[in-house]
Amino acid sequence: MELDIIGDIHGCYQEFQELTNKLGYKWDSEGIPINSNGRKLAFVGDLTDRGPHSLKVAEAVSAIVNKGLGYYVPGNHCNKLYRFFLGNKVQHTHGLETTVAEYEALDQKEKKRIRDKFIHLYENAPLHLILDNGKLVIAHAGIREDLTGKHSNKVKTFVLYGDITGEKHPDGSPVRRDWAKQYKGDAVIVYGHTPVKEVRIVNNTYNIDTGAVFGNKLAALKYPEMEIVSVPSTMPLVEEKFREI
C-alpha cells in the first residue's frame, strides 16, 4: 500500500494543488489529482474553514474518495459543517463562518449539490481508518491504542478533539493531554488537529498538521517511505496558533 497522507487543509486549495503536484500527481479535467504510479491520497480531516476555498477542497476530496483514489477521515471542523448542512443549530465561529459565507453566495442548485456531496462524504467516512493489515492508523486528532478499532462516543470524541481534559485555554480551545507520549503500539498513527511548525514524530505517531491555514506550510507523509513533503502557505503567519499540546 502506497499512500500520500495530507494534513489539515482548511480551505487552502492552492497549497493542496501545489502539494499534490510536488508529490507527482496530475490534475485531470474533472479536477481530480491522479498518480500514474497508482499511489493514493489520504486525508486526516478538517478540509474546510478559515481558508479561502473550503468548498473547492471539500468537492475535490469528495471526488477523490468517490473514485476510489483516496481515503478520508473526518475532523472536528468536518463534523461541525456536517451538522450545519443537516440544519442543526451550530455557532458560525472558529472558521465555520468562512465556509458558510462561501456557501451562502451560491444559488440554490449549487447549494444542494455541494451539501449533498459533503453529506455523502461524511456519512460514508469511518471515524478512524485501519490500513495495511493494521500497520497504519489514520485518525484526525489521533487515537489511543486501546481505542483503536472500537466505536463509541468516547472514540468519537477522542478522534475528533483529542484527549481533552474538559478545561479551556484562554482563547477557548480545549486543553488536551499529550496521548502520543504514552503510545506504545506497533502501528503507525498519522493525525493532525493540533498545528505544529514541523511534523511531530513521537513513539510511532506523526502529527502532520503543519498549520497551512495559519501561514506555515501544508505537509504530506509518504507511506511506507515515511518521507515528509511540504509546500509553503500563502496565508499570513499566526504565530500564537503554534503551541505545545
Protein backbone atom coordinates (compact mmCIF):
# COMPACT_ATOMS: atom_id res chain seq x y z
CA MET A 1 0.00 0.00 0.00
CA GLU A 2 1.44 3.34 -1.12
CA LEU A 3 -0.20 6.46 0.25
CA ASP A 4 0.39 10.18 0.47
CA ILE A 5 -1.31 11.33 3.66
CA ILE A 6 -2.11 15.05 3.72
CA GLY A 7 -2.53 17.19 6.85
CA ASP A 8 -5.36 19.60 7.69
CA ILE A 9 -6.06 21.62 4.51
CA HIS A 10 -8.62 24.08 5.95
CA GLY A 11 -9.66 25.52 2.60
CA CYS A 12 -6.10 26.09 1.33
CA TYR A 13 -6.89 24.80 -2.17
CA GLN A 14 -3.86 26.37 -3.88
CA GLU A 15 -1.48 24.71 -1.41
CA PHE A 16 -3.36 21.43 -1.84
CA GLN A 17 -2.84 21.59 -5.61
CA GLU A 18 0.82 22.52 -5.26
CA LEU A 19 1.47 19.73 -2.75
CA THR A 20 -0.15 17.05 -4.91
CA ASN A 21 1.79 18.31 -7.95
CA LYS A 22 5.00 18.08 -5.92
CA LEU A 23 4.04 14.52 -4.93
CA GLY A 24 3.75 13.56 -8.61
CA TYR A 25 0.00 13.83 -9.17
CA LYS A 26 -1.50 15.32 -12.32
CA TRP A 27 -4.89 17.05 -12.11
CA ASP A 28 -7.35 15.83 -14.76
CA SER A 29 -10.16 17.75 -16.48
CA GLU A 30 -12.59 16.79 -13.69
CA GLY A 31 -10.42 18.41 -11.03
CA ILE A 32 -9.05 15.17 -9.62
CA PRO A 33 -5.35 14.55 -8.89
CA ILE A 34 -4.19 11.23 -10.38
CA ASN A 35 -0.92 9.43 -9.71
CA SER A 36 0.38 7.38 -12.65
CA ASN A 37 2.19 5.01 -10.28
CA GLY A 38 -1.05 4.07 -8.54
CA ARG A 39 -0.37 5.89 -5.27
CA LYS A 40 -3.44 7.07 -3.40
CA LEU A 41 -4.15 10.08 -1.23
CA ALA A 42 -5.40 10.06 2.35
CA PHE A 43 -6.77 12.96 4.37
CA VAL A 44 -6.74 13.44 8.14
CA GLY A 45 -9.85 15.67 8.09
CA ASP A 46 -10.53 19.38 8.58
CA LEU A 47 -10.82 20.05 4.87
CA THR A 48 -12.68 23.32 5.41
CA ASP A 49 -12.91 26.54 7.47
CA ARG A 50 -10.66 29.60 7.78
CA GLY A 51 -9.01 29.23 4.35
CA PRO A 52 -10.19 30.89 1.11
CA HIS A 53 -11.55 27.90 -0.84
CA SER A 54 -13.16 25.44 1.58
CA LEU A 55 -15.90 24.24 -0.77
CA LYS A 56 -13.43 23.54 -3.61
CA VAL A 57 -11.31 21.43 -1.25
CA ALA A 58 -14.34 19.53 0.03
CA GLU A 59 -15.56 18.90 -3.51
CA ALA A 60 -12.15 17.67 -4.71
CA VAL A 61 -11.72 15.29 -1.76
CA SER A 62 -15.27 14.01 -2.24
CA ALA A 63 -14.48 13.22 -5.91
CA ILE A 64 -11.16 11.55 -4.99
CA VAL A 65 -12.82 9.27 -2.42
CA ASN A 66 -15.80 8.50 -4.69
CA LYS A 67 -13.44 7.38 -7.47
CA GLY A 68 -11.60 5.06 -5.07
CA LEU A 69 -8.43 7.14 -5.36
CA GLY A 70 -8.17 8.11 -1.72
CA TYR A 71 -9.23 7.80 1.90
CA TYR A 72 -10.73 10.32 4.29
CA VAL A 73 -11.50 10.54 7.99
CA PRO A 74 -13.49 13.50 9.33
CA GLY A 75 -12.16 16.14 11.68
CA ASN A 76 -14.00 18.30 14.18
CA HIS A 77 -14.47 21.05 11.56
CA CYS A 78 -15.93 18.46 9.17
CA ASN A 79 -18.30 17.33 11.90
CA LYS A 80 -19.47 20.88 12.52
CA LEU A 81 -20.01 21.57 8.80
CA TYR A 82 -21.94 18.31 8.53
CA ARG A 83 -24.23 19.40 11.36
CA PHE A 84 -24.68 22.80 9.68
CA PHE A 85 -25.66 21.10 6.41
CA LEU A 86 -28.19 18.95 8.29
CA GLY A 87 -29.83 22.14 9.51
CA ASN A 88 -28.71 21.79 13.11
CA LYS A 89 -28.02 24.91 15.13
CA VAL A 90 -24.25 25.44 15.24
CA GLN A 91 -22.22 28.54 16.03
CA HIS A 92 -20.65 30.14 12.98
CA THR A 93 -17.30 30.57 14.75
CA HIS A 94 -13.73 29.18 14.73
CA GLY A 95 -13.66 29.31 10.93
CA LEU A 96 -17.06 27.89 10.02
CA GLU A 97 -18.16 31.44 9.20
CA THR A 98 -15.82 31.49 6.17
CA THR A 99 -17.23 28.24 4.75
CA VAL A 100 -20.81 29.38 5.38
CA ALA A 101 -20.07 32.67 3.58
CA GLU A 102 -18.85 30.73 0.52
CA TYR A 103 -21.94 28.52 0.70
CA GLU A 104 -24.42 31.38 1.08
CA ALA A 105 -23.01 33.04 -2.06
CA LEU A 106 -24.17 30.07 -4.19
CA ASP A 107 -27.53 29.66 -5.92
CA GLN A 108 -29.95 27.05 -4.60
CA LYS A 109 -28.98 24.39 -7.13
CA GLU A 110 -25.26 24.71 -6.32
CA LYS A 111 -26.03 24.75 -2.60
CA LYS A 112 -27.87 21.45 -2.87
CA ARG A 113 -25.13 19.89 -4.99
CA ILE A 114 -22.35 20.87 -2.57
CA ARG A 115 -24.38 19.96 0.51
CA ASP A 116 -25.33 16.53 -0.85
CA LYS A 117 -21.72 15.75 -1.83
CA PHE A 118 -20.33 16.66 1.56
CA ILE A 119 -23.04 14.82 3.49
CA HIS A 120 -22.33 11.70 1.40
CA LEU A 121 -18.58 12.03 2.01
CA TYR A 122 -19.03 12.50 5.76
CA GLU A 123 -21.65 9.78 6.30
CA ASN A 124 -19.56 7.19 4.46
CA ALA A 125 -16.32 8.01 6.28
CA PRO A 126 -15.07 5.90 9.20
CA LEU A 127 -14.13 7.80 12.36
CA HIS A 128 -10.66 6.30 12.03
CA LEU A 129 -9.02 4.13 9.40
CA ILE A 130 -7.00 0.97 9.97
CA LEU A 131 -5.00 0.21 6.82
CA ASP A 132 -2.19 -2.04 5.56
CA ASN A 133 -3.16 -5.04 7.71
CA GLY A 134 -3.17 -2.97 10.87
CA LYS A 135 0.22 -1.35 10.32
CA LEU A 136 -1.25 2.12 9.71
CA VAL A 137 -3.96 4.04 11.55
CA ILE A 138 -5.29 7.43 10.43
CA ALA A 139 -7.37 9.48 12.88
CA HIS A 140 -7.95 13.23 12.85
CA ALA A 141 -6.78 14.05 16.38
CA GLY A 142 -5.10 10.69 16.95
CA ILE A 143 -6.26 7.68 18.92
CA ARG A 144 -5.04 5.67 21.89
CA GLU A 145 -4.01 2.08 21.23
CA ASP A 146 -6.77 0.66 23.46
CA LEU A 147 -9.42 2.57 21.48
CA THR A 148 -8.23 1.51 18.02
CA GLY A 149 -10.84 -0.48 16.13
CA LYS A 150 -13.59 0.42 18.59
CA HIS A 151 -16.67 2.55 18.01
CA SER A 152 -18.24 4.53 20.84
CA ASN A 153 -18.91 8.12 21.87
CA LYS A 154 -15.58 8.06 23.71
CA VAL A 155 -13.76 7.07 20.49
CA LYS A 156 -15.65 9.72 18.51
CA THR A 157 -14.73 12.46 20.98
CA PHE A 158 -11.09 11.34 21.02
CA VAL A 159 -10.61 11.17 17.24
CA LEU A 160 -12.37 14.50 16.65
CA TYR A 161 -10.97 16.56 19.53
CA GLY A 162 -8.03 14.67 21.02
CA ASP A 163 -7.54 13.61 24.63
CA ILE A 164 -9.39 16.58 26.11
CA THR A 165 -9.40 17.34 29.84
CA GLY A 166 -12.55 19.47 29.93
CA GLU A 167 -10.54 22.62 30.63
CA LYS A 168 -10.08 25.51 28.20
CA HIS A 169 -7.17 27.66 27.06
CA PRO A 170 -7.66 31.48 27.25
CA ASP A 171 -8.67 31.50 23.54
CA GLY A 172 -11.46 29.00 24.24
CA SER A 173 -9.74 25.97 22.70
CA PRO A 174 -9.71 22.80 24.81
CA VAL A 175 -6.77 21.69 26.94
CA ARG A 176 -5.52 18.29 25.73
CA ARG A 177 -3.35 15.59 27.21
CA ASP A 178 -0.34 14.51 25.14
CA TRP A 179 -1.54 10.97 24.33
CA ALA A 180 1.31 10.41 21.84
CA LYS A 181 3.90 10.38 24.63
CA GLN A 182 2.17 7.35 26.17
CA TYR A 183 1.69 5.47 22.89
CA LYS A 184 3.49 2.13 22.76
CA GLY A 185 1.82 0.45 19.77
CA ASP A 186 3.44 -1.04 16.67
CA ALA A 187 1.03 0.61 14.23
CA VAL A 188 2.00 3.98 12.79
CA ILE A 189 -0.62 6.57 13.78
CA VAL A 190 -0.95 9.57 11.48
CA TYR A 191 -3.07 12.50 12.63
CA GLY A 192 -3.42 16.28 12.62
CA HIS A 193 -5.69 18.68 14.53
CA THR A 194 -3.01 20.50 16.57
CA PRO A 195 -0.89 22.86 14.43
CA VAL A 196 2.87 22.30 14.70
CA LYS A 197 5.68 24.13 12.88
CA GLU A 198 7.33 20.83 11.86
CA VAL A 199 5.82 17.34 11.59
CA ARG A 200 5.90 15.97 15.15
CA ILE A 201 7.16 12.41 15.43
CA VAL A 202 6.70 10.74 18.83
CA ASN A 203 6.56 6.98 19.53
CA ASN A 204 5.48 5.90 16.03
CA THR A 205 2.94 8.75 15.81
CA TYR A 206 3.08 11.56 13.24
CA ASN A 207 1.25 14.85 13.64
CA ILE A 208 1.16 16.22 10.09
CA ASP A 209 -0.93 19.37 10.68
CA THR A 210 1.76 21.95 9.93
CA GLY A 211 -0.68 24.86 10.04
CA ALA A 212 -1.23 25.66 6.37
CA VAL A 213 -4.14 27.96 7.17
CA PHE A 214 -2.05 29.74 9.83
CA GLY A 215 0.71 30.67 7.40
CA ASN A 216 3.24 27.87 7.88
CA LYS A 217 3.03 25.01 5.34
CA LEU A 218 0.89 22.11 4.10
CA ALA A 219 2.58 18.77 4.66
CA ALA A 220 2.16 15.19 3.49
CA LEU A 221 3.63 11.97 4.80
CA LYS A 222 4.60 9.42 2.15
CA TYR A 223 3.78 5.89 3.34
CA PRO A 224 5.51 3.45 3.64
CA GLU A 225 8.60 5.54 2.86
CA MET A 226 7.87 7.80 5.87
CA GLU A 227 9.14 10.81 3.95
CA ILE A 228 7.72 14.28 4.58
CA VAL A 229 6.92 16.55 1.65
CA SER A 230 5.57 20.08 2.10
CA VAL A 231 4.79 23.36 0.35
CA PRO A 232 4.79 26.83 1.94
CA SER A 233 1.50 28.50 2.82
CA THR A 234 0.27 31.66 1.11
CA MET A 235 -1.64 32.68 4.27
CA PRO A 236 -0.34 35.19 6.84
CA LEU A 237 1.56 33.65 9.76
CA VAL A 238 -0.42 33.47 13.02
CA GLU A 239 2.34 32.65 15.48
CA GLU A 240 0.12 32.10 18.53
CA LYS A 241 -1.65 29.17 16.89
CA PHE A 242 1.50 27.09 17.19
CA ARG A 243 1.93 25.90 20.76
CA GLU A 244 2.77 22.80 22.68
CA ILE A 245 -0.12 20.43 23.46
